[in-house]
PDB file of N, CA and C in Angstrom:
ATOM      1  N   THR A   1     121.965 136.238  70.784  1.00  0.00           N
ATOM      2  CA  THR A   1     122.036 134.794  70.749  1.00  0.00           C
ATOM      3  C   THR A   1     123.087 134.255  71.717  1.00  0.00           C
ATOM      4  N   GLU A   2     123.491 135.060  72.671  1.00  0.00           N
ATOM      5  CA  GLU A   2     124.500 134.611  73.631  1.00  0.00           C
ATOM      6  C   GLU A   2     123.966 133.424  74.438  1.00  0.00           C
ATOM      7  N   GLY A   3     124.784 132.357  74.517  1.00  0.00           N
ATOM      8  CA  GLY A   3     124.381 131.166  75.233  1.00  0.00           C
ATOM      9  C   GLY A   3     123.451 130.260  74.457  1.00  0.00           C
ATOM     10  N   LYS A   4     123.122 130.607  73.233  1.00  0.00           N
ATOM     11  CA  LYS A   4     122.230 129.809  72.396  1.00  0.00           C
ATOM     12  C   LYS A   4     123.049 129.115  71.306  1.00  0.00           C
ATOM     13  N   LEU A   5     122.542 128.004  70.798  1.00  0.00           N
ATOM     14  CA  LEU A   5     123.189 127.271  69.728  1.00  0.00           C
ATOM     15  C   LEU A   5     122.589 127.707  68.402  1.00  0.00           C
ATOM     16  N   VAL A   6     123.427 128.189  67.480  1.00  0.00           N
ATOM     17  CA  VAL A   6     122.990 128.589  66.144  1.00  0.00           C
ATOM     18  C   VAL A   6     123.451 127.513  65.175  1.00  0.00           C
ATOM     19  N   THR A   7     122.503 126.958  64.411  1.00  0.00           N
ATOM     20  CA  THR A   7     122.805 125.938  63.419  1.00  0.00           C
ATOM     21  C   THR A   7     122.358 126.444  62.051  1.00  0.00           C
ATOM     22  N   VAL A   8     123.252 126.374  61.075  1.00  0.00           N
ATOM     23  CA  VAL A   8     122.927 126.731  59.692  1.00  0.00           C
ATOM     24  C   VAL A   8     123.373 125.560  58.834  1.00  0.00           C
ATOM     25  N   ARG A   9     122.436 125.011  58.030  1.00  0.00           N
ATOM     26  CA  ARG A   9     122.762 123.829  57.237  1.00  0.00           C
ATOM     27  C   ARG A   9     121.893 123.747  55.991  1.00  0.00           C
ATOM     28  N   SER A  10     122.324 122.913  55.066  1.00  0.00           N
ATOM     29  CA  SER A  10     121.555 122.630  53.869  1.00  0.00           C
ATOM     30  C   SER A  10     120.625 121.460  54.158  1.00  0.00           C
ATOM     31  N   SER A  11     119.410 121.495  53.627  1.00  0.00           N
ATOM     32  CA  SER A  11     118.457 120.415  53.869  1.00  0.00           C
ATOM     33  C   SER A  11     118.773 119.168  53.050  1.00  0.00           C
ATOM     34  N   ARG A  12     119.581 119.313  51.988  1.00  0.00           N
ATOM     35  CA  ARG A  12     119.900 118.160  51.135  1.00  0.00           C
ATOM     36  C   ARG A  12     121.404 118.084  50.902  1.00  0.00           C
ATOM     37  N   ASP A  13     121.998 116.974  51.271  1.00  0.00           N
ATOM     38  CA  ASP A  13     123.416 116.756  51.007  1.00  0.00           C
ATOM     39  C   ASP A  13     123.655 116.676  49.501  1.00  0.00           C
ATOM     40  N   GLY A  14     124.801 117.203  49.070  1.00  0.00           N
ATOM     41  CA  GLY A  14     125.191 117.089  47.670  1.00  0.00           C
ATOM     42  C   GLY A  14     124.707 118.202  46.771  1.00  0.00           C
ATOM     43  N   ILE A  15     123.810 119.074  47.244  1.00  0.00           N
ATOM     44  CA  ILE A  15     123.321 120.202  46.431  1.00  0.00           C
ATOM     45  C   ILE A  15     124.092 121.464  46.777  1.00  0.00           C
ATOM     46  N   ALA A  16     124.221 121.762  48.049  1.00  0.00           N
ATOM     47  CA  ALA A  16     124.950 122.950  48.506  1.00  0.00           C
ATOM     48  C   ALA A  16     125.596 122.644  49.852  1.00  0.00           C
ATOM     49  N   ASN A  17     126.698 123.312  50.106  1.00  0.00           N
ATOM     50  CA  ASN A  17     127.425 123.156  51.361  1.00  0.00           C
ATOM     51  C   ASN A  17     127.420 124.491  52.097  1.00  0.00           C
ATOM     52  N   VAL A  18     127.245 124.462  53.411  1.00  0.00           N
ATOM     53  CA  VAL A  18     127.253 125.678  54.233  1.00  0.00           C
ATOM     54  C   VAL A  18     128.478 125.637  55.133  1.00  0.00           C
ATOM     55  N   THR A  19     129.264 126.721  55.094  1.00  0.00           N
ATOM     56  CA  THR A  19     130.480 126.821  55.897  1.00  0.00           C
ATOM     57  C   THR A  19     130.440 128.110  56.710  1.00  0.00           C
ATOM     58  N   LYS A  20     130.756 128.022  58.001  1.00  0.00           N
ATOM     59  CA  LYS A  20     130.856 129.224  58.828  1.00  0.00           C
ATOM     60  C   LYS A  20     132.244 129.826  58.635  1.00  0.00           C
ATOM     61  N   LEU A  21     132.290 131.113  58.345  1.00  0.00           N
ATOM     62  CA  LEU A  21     133.543 131.823  58.132  1.00  0.00           C
ATOM     63  C   LEU A  21     134.079 132.371  59.449  1.00  0.00           C
ATOM     64  N   SER A  22     135.348 132.711  59.467  1.00  0.00           N
ATOM     65  CA  SER A  22     135.984 133.202  60.695  1.00  0.00           C
ATOM     66  C   SER A  22     135.383 134.520  61.187  1.00  0.00           C
ATOM     67  N   ASN A  23     134.735 135.293  60.293  1.00  0.00           N
ATOM     68  CA  ASN A  23     134.130 136.570  60.694  1.00  0.00           C
ATOM     69  C   ASN A  23     132.695 136.409  61.200  1.00  0.00           C
ATOM     70  N   GLY A  24     132.204 135.158  61.279  1.00  0.00           N
ATOM     71  CA  GLY A  24     130.851 134.917  61.778  1.00  0.00           C
ATOM     72  C   GLY A  24     129.806 134.778  60.690  1.00  0.00           C
ATOM     73  N   ASN A  25     130.121 135.148  59.460  1.00  0.00           N
ATOM     74  CA  ASN A  25     129.196 134.981  58.343  1.00  0.00           C
ATOM     75  C   ASN A  25     129.200 133.526  57.892  1.00  0.00           C
ATOM     76  N   TYR A  26     128.273 133.182  57.010  1.00  0.00           N
ATOM     77  CA  TYR A  26     128.191 131.844  56.448  1.00  0.00           C
ATOM     78  C   TYR A  26     128.326 131.927  54.931  1.00  0.00           C
ATOM     79  N   ARG A  27     128.989 130.933  54.345  1.00  0.00           N
ATOM     80  CA  ARG A  27     129.126 130.850  52.892  1.00  0.00           C
ATOM     81  C   ARG A  27     128.369 129.623  52.414  1.00  0.00           C
ATOM     82  N   VAL A  28     127.529 129.823  51.388  1.00  0.00           N
ATOM     83  CA  VAL A  28     126.810 128.725  50.747  1.00  0.00           C
ATOM     84  C   VAL A  28     127.505 128.461  49.419  1.00  0.00           C
ATOM     85  N   THR A  29     127.978 127.226  49.234  1.00  0.00           N
ATOM     86  CA  THR A  29     128.694 126.838  48.026  1.00  0.00           C
ATOM     87  C   THR A  29     127.872 125.801  47.276  1.00  0.00           C
ATOM     88  N   ALA A  30     127.600 126.074  45.994  1.00  0.00           N
ATOM     89  CA  ALA A  30     126.863 125.137  45.157  1.00  0.00           C
ATOM     90  C   ALA A  30     127.730 123.920  44.862  1.00  0.00           C
ATOM     91  N   LEU A  31     127.127 122.740  44.884  1.00  0.00           N
ATOM     92  CA  LEU A  31     127.841 121.501  44.596  1.00  0.00           C
ATOM     93  C   LEU A  31     127.303 120.823  43.332  1.00  0.00           C
ATOM     94  N   ASN A  32     125.993 120.649  43.254  1.00  0.00           N
ATOM     95  CA  ASN A  32     125.348 119.979  42.121  1.00  0.00           C
ATOM     96  C   ASN A  32     123.991 120.612  41.863  1.00  0.00           C
ATOM     97  N   PRO A  33     123.494 120.532  40.620  1.00  0.00           N
ATOM     98  CA  PRO A  33     122.162 121.073  40.320  1.00  0.00           C
ATOM     99  C   PRO A  33     121.082 120.431  41.186  1.00  0.00           C
ATOM    100  N   GLY A  34     120.131 121.255  41.597  1.00  0.00           N
ATOM    101  CA  GLY A  34     119.008 120.763  42.395  1.00  0.00           C
ATOM    102  C   GLY A  34     118.446 121.868  43.272  1.00  0.00           C
ATOM    103  N   ILE A  35     117.488 121.513  44.084  1.00  0.00           N
ATOM    104  CA  ILE A  35     116.839 122.461  44.995  1.00  0.00           C
ATOM    105  C   ILE A  35     117.109 122.012  46.419  1.00  0.00           C
ATOM    106  N   THR A  36     117.496 122.956  47.264  1.00  0.00           N
ATOM    107  CA  THR A  36     117.715 122.691  48.684  1.00  0.00           C
ATOM    108  C   THR A  36     117.206 123.891  49.474  1.00  0.00           C
ATOM    109  N   TYR A  37     117.122 123.741  50.752  1.00  0.00           N
ATOM    110  CA  TYR A  37     116.777 124.849  51.643  1.00  0.00           C
ATOM    111  C   TYR A  37     117.929 125.047  52.606  1.00  0.00           C
ATOM    112  N   ILE A  38     118.315 126.298  52.805  1.00  0.00           N
ATOM    113  CA  ILE A  38     119.310 126.624  53.812  1.00  0.00           C
ATOM    114  C   ILE A  38     118.516 126.898  55.087  1.00  0.00           C
ATOM    115  N   ILE A  39     118.767 126.088  56.103  1.00  0.00           N
ATOM    116  CA  ILE A  39     117.987 126.113  57.332  1.00  0.00           C
ATOM    117  C   ILE A  39     118.775 126.823  58.426  1.00  0.00           C
ATOM    118  N   PHE A  40     118.113 127.744  59.105  1.00  0.00           N
ATOM    119  CA  PHE A  40     118.686 128.518  60.211  1.00  0.00           C
ATOM    120  C   PHE A  40     117.891 128.171  61.463  1.00  0.00           C
ATOM    121  N   GLU A  41     118.567 127.687  62.488  1.00  0.00           N
ATOM    122  CA  GLU A  41     117.881 127.333  63.733  1.00  0.00           C
ATOM    123  C   GLU A  41     118.650 127.895  64.927  1.00  0.00           C
ATOM    124  N   ILE A  42     117.908 128.398  65.901  1.00  0.00           N
ATOM    125  CA  ILE A  42     118.492 128.839  67.170  1.00  0.00           C
ATOM    126  C   ILE A  42     117.806 128.040  68.257  1.00  0.00           C
ATOM    127  N   SER A  43     118.621 127.400  69.105  1.00  0.00           N
ATOM    128  CA  SER A  43     118.050 126.571  70.164  1.00  0.00           C
ATOM    129  C   SER A  43     118.723 126.870  71.498  1.00  0.00           C
ATOM    130  N   ASP A  44     118.009 126.521  72.537  1.00  0.00           N
ATOM    131  CA  ASP A  44     118.489 126.664  73.910  1.00  0.00           C
ATOM    132  C   ASP A  44     118.355 125.288  74.552  1.00  0.00           C
ATOM    133  N   GLY A  45     119.438 124.521  74.536  1.00  0.00           N
ATOM    134  CA  GLY A  45     119.344 123.138  74.997  1.00  0.00           C
ATOM    135  C   GLY A  45     118.545 122.333  73.992  1.00  0.00           C
ATOM    136  N   SER A  46     117.506 121.664  74.438  1.00  0.00           N
ATOM    137  CA  SER A  46     116.681 120.854  73.537  1.00  0.00           C
ATOM    138  C   SER A  46     115.486 121.626  72.982  1.00  0.00           C
ATOM    139  N   GLN A  47     115.329 122.889  73.369  1.00  0.00           N
ATOM    140  CA  GLN A  47     114.192 123.695  72.924  1.00  0.00           C
ATOM    141  C   GLN A  47     114.583 124.554  71.731  1.00  0.00           C
ATOM    142  N   GLU A  48     113.870 124.371  70.605  1.00  0.00           N
ATOM    143  CA  GLU A  48     114.092 125.201  69.427  1.00  0.00           C
ATOM    144  C   GLU A  48     113.381 126.539  69.627  1.00  0.00           C
ATOM    145  N   LEU A  49     114.126 127.630  69.498  1.00  0.00           N
ATOM    146  CA  LEU A  49     113.567 128.963  69.705  1.00  0.00           C
ATOM    147  C   LEU A  49     113.140 129.612  68.397  1.00  0.00           C
ATOM    148  N   THR A  50     113.943 129.414  67.352  1.00  0.00           N
ATOM    149  CA  THR A  50     113.677 130.046  66.059  1.00  0.00           C
ATOM    150  C   THR A  50     114.063 129.100  64.941  1.00  0.00           C
ATOM    151  N   HIS A  51     113.256 129.085  63.903  1.00  0.00           N
ATOM    152  CA  HIS A  51     113.553 128.285  62.714  1.00  0.00           C
ATOM    153  C   HIS A  51     113.154 129.107  61.496  1.00  0.00           C
ATOM    154  N   ALA A  52     114.056 129.173  60.509  1.00  0.00           N
ATOM    155  CA  ALA A  52     113.753 129.825  59.237  1.00  0.00           C
ATOM    156  C   ALA A  52     114.485 129.070  58.147  1.00  0.00           C
ATOM    157  N   SER A  53     113.987 129.139  56.927  1.00  0.00           N
ATOM    158  CA  SER A  53     114.671 128.501  55.819  1.00  0.00           C
ATOM    159  C   SER A  53     114.517 129.343  54.559  1.00  0.00           C
ATOM    160  N   VAL A  54     115.517 129.227  53.680  1.00  0.00           N
ATOM    161  CA  VAL A  54     115.534 129.962  52.417  1.00  0.00           C
ATOM    162  C   VAL A  54     115.750 128.948  51.313  1.00  0.00           C
ATOM    163  N   GLY A  55     114.873 128.943  50.318  1.00  0.00           N
ATOM    164  CA  GLY A  55     115.012 128.029  49.192  1.00  0.00           C
ATOM    165  C   GLY A  55     116.131 128.478  48.266  1.00  0.00           C
ATOM    166  N   VAL A  56     116.954 127.510  47.827  1.00  0.00           N
ATOM    167  CA  VAL A  56     118.064 127.794  46.914  1.00  0.00           C
ATOM    168  C   VAL A  56     117.978 126.800  45.755  1.00  0.00           C
ATOM    169  N   THR A  57     117.992 127.323  44.527  1.00  0.00           N
ATOM    170  CA  THR A  57     118.022 126.483  43.338  1.00  0.00           C
ATOM    171  C   THR A  57     119.397 126.594  42.710  1.00  0.00           C
ATOM    172  N   VAL A  58     120.083 125.466  42.583  1.00  0.00           N
ATOM    173  CA  VAL A  58     121.407 125.421  41.965  1.00  0.00           C
ATOM    174  C   VAL A  58     121.227 124.929  40.535  1.00  0.00           C
ATOM    175  N   LYS A  59     121.721 125.729  39.560  1.00  0.00           N
ATOM    176  CA  LYS A  59     121.604 125.371  38.148  1.00  0.00           C
ATOM    177  C   LYS A  59     122.975 125.371  37.491  1.00  0.00           C
ATOM    178  N   THR A  60     123.155 124.529  36.515  1.00  0.00           N
ATOM    179  CA  THR A  60     124.391 124.476  35.738  1.00  0.00           C
ATOM    180  C   THR A  60     124.500 125.711  34.862  1.00  0.00           C
ATOM    181  N   GLY A  61     125.704 126.307  34.798  1.00  0.00           N
ATOM    182  CA  GLY A  61     125.966 127.430  33.906  1.00  0.00           C
ATOM    183  C   GLY A  61     125.588 128.797  34.432  1.00  0.00           C
ATOM    184  N   VAL A  62     125.123 128.893  35.660  1.00  0.00           N
ATOM    185  CA  VAL A  62     124.731 130.178  36.236  1.00  0.00           C
ATOM    186  C   VAL A  62     125.949 130.815  36.883  1.00  0.00           C
ATOM    187  N   THR A  63     126.128 132.124  36.689  1.00  0.00           N
ATOM    188  CA  THR A  63     127.242 132.845  37.292  1.00  0.00           C
ATOM    189  C   THR A  63     126.976 133.049  38.775  1.00  0.00           C
ATOM    190  N   GLN A  64     128.001 132.781  39.582  1.00  0.00           N
ATOM    191  CA  GLN A  64     127.880 132.956  41.029  1.00  0.00           C
ATOM    192  C   GLN A  64     127.581 134.410  41.357  1.00  0.00           C
ATOM    193  N   GLY A  65     126.768 134.633  42.382  1.00  0.00           N
ATOM    194  CA  GLY A  65     126.437 135.999  42.776  1.00  0.00           C
ATOM    195  C   GLY A  65     125.987 136.029  44.215  1.00  0.00           C
ATOM    196  N   GLY A  66     125.594 137.182  44.657  1.00  0.00           N
ATOM    197  CA  GLY A  66     125.123 137.329  46.027  1.00  0.00           C
ATOM    198  C   GLY A  66     125.768 138.511  46.694  1.00  0.00           C
ATOM    199  N   VAL A  67     125.275 138.842  47.852  1.00  0.00           N
ATOM    200  CA  VAL A  67     125.765 139.976  48.615  1.00  0.00           C
ATOM    201  C   VAL A  67     126.224 139.456  49.969  1.00  0.00           C
ATOM    202  N   SER A  68     127.446 139.782  50.330  1.00  0.00           N
ATOM    203  CA  SER A  68     127.968 139.397  51.630  1.00  0.00           C
ATOM    204  C   SER A  68     127.535 140.434  52.660  1.00  0.00           C
ATOM    205  N   ALA A  69     126.832 139.995  53.679  1.00  0.00           N
ATOM    206  CA  ALA A  69     126.349 140.934  54.703  1.00  0.00           C
ATOM    207  C   ALA A  69     126.064 140.178  55.988  1.00  0.00           C
ATOM    208  N   LYS A  70     126.010 140.901  57.064  1.00  0.00           N
ATOM    209  CA  LYS A  70     125.646 140.308  58.352  1.00  0.00           C
ATOM    210  C   LYS A  70     124.558 141.175  58.940  1.00  0.00           C
ATOM    211  N   ASN A  71     123.410 140.554  59.211  1.00  0.00           N
ATOM    212  CA  ASN A  71     122.275 141.306  59.700  1.00  0.00           C
ATOM    213  C   ASN A  71     121.637 140.520  60.847  1.00  0.00           C
ATOM    214  N   ILE A  72     121.524 141.135  61.996  1.00  0.00           N
ATOM    215  CA  ILE A  72     120.903 140.501  63.148  1.00  0.00           C
ATOM    216  C   ILE A  72     119.696 141.349  63.550  1.00  0.00           C
ATOM    217  N   SER A  73     118.539 140.706  63.652  1.00  0.00           N
ATOM    218  CA  SER A  73     117.327 141.410  64.040  1.00  0.00           C
ATOM    219  C   SER A  73     116.708 140.726  65.252  1.00  0.00           C
ATOM    220  N   TYR A  74     116.206 141.514  66.169  1.00  0.00           N
ATOM    221  CA  TYR A  74     115.516 140.989  67.350  1.00  0.00           C
ATOM    222  C   TYR A  74     114.094 141.518  67.357  1.00  0.00           C
ATOM    223  N   PHE A  75     113.125 140.661  67.659  1.00  0.00           N
ATOM    224  CA  PHE A  75     111.723 141.082  67.688  1.00  0.00           C
ATOM    225  C   PHE A  75     111.142 140.839  69.060  1.00  0.00           C
TER     226      PHE A  75
END
């Protein structure tokens, strides 16, 4: 992705927040109950090269979990 713009964001404000960490990973933090999509986009100038999204459901009373990892795949 050298020279490309990588954008990672939540599709809905107020449900989850996405923060880029100093090690290059991203942290998704739940804010309020609801459904959002975490959107991943790679662009080169005004041209979108890749788009993917992952659905996230935030519920009250659920224990935080997940696996911290960094995985880059090229096809």
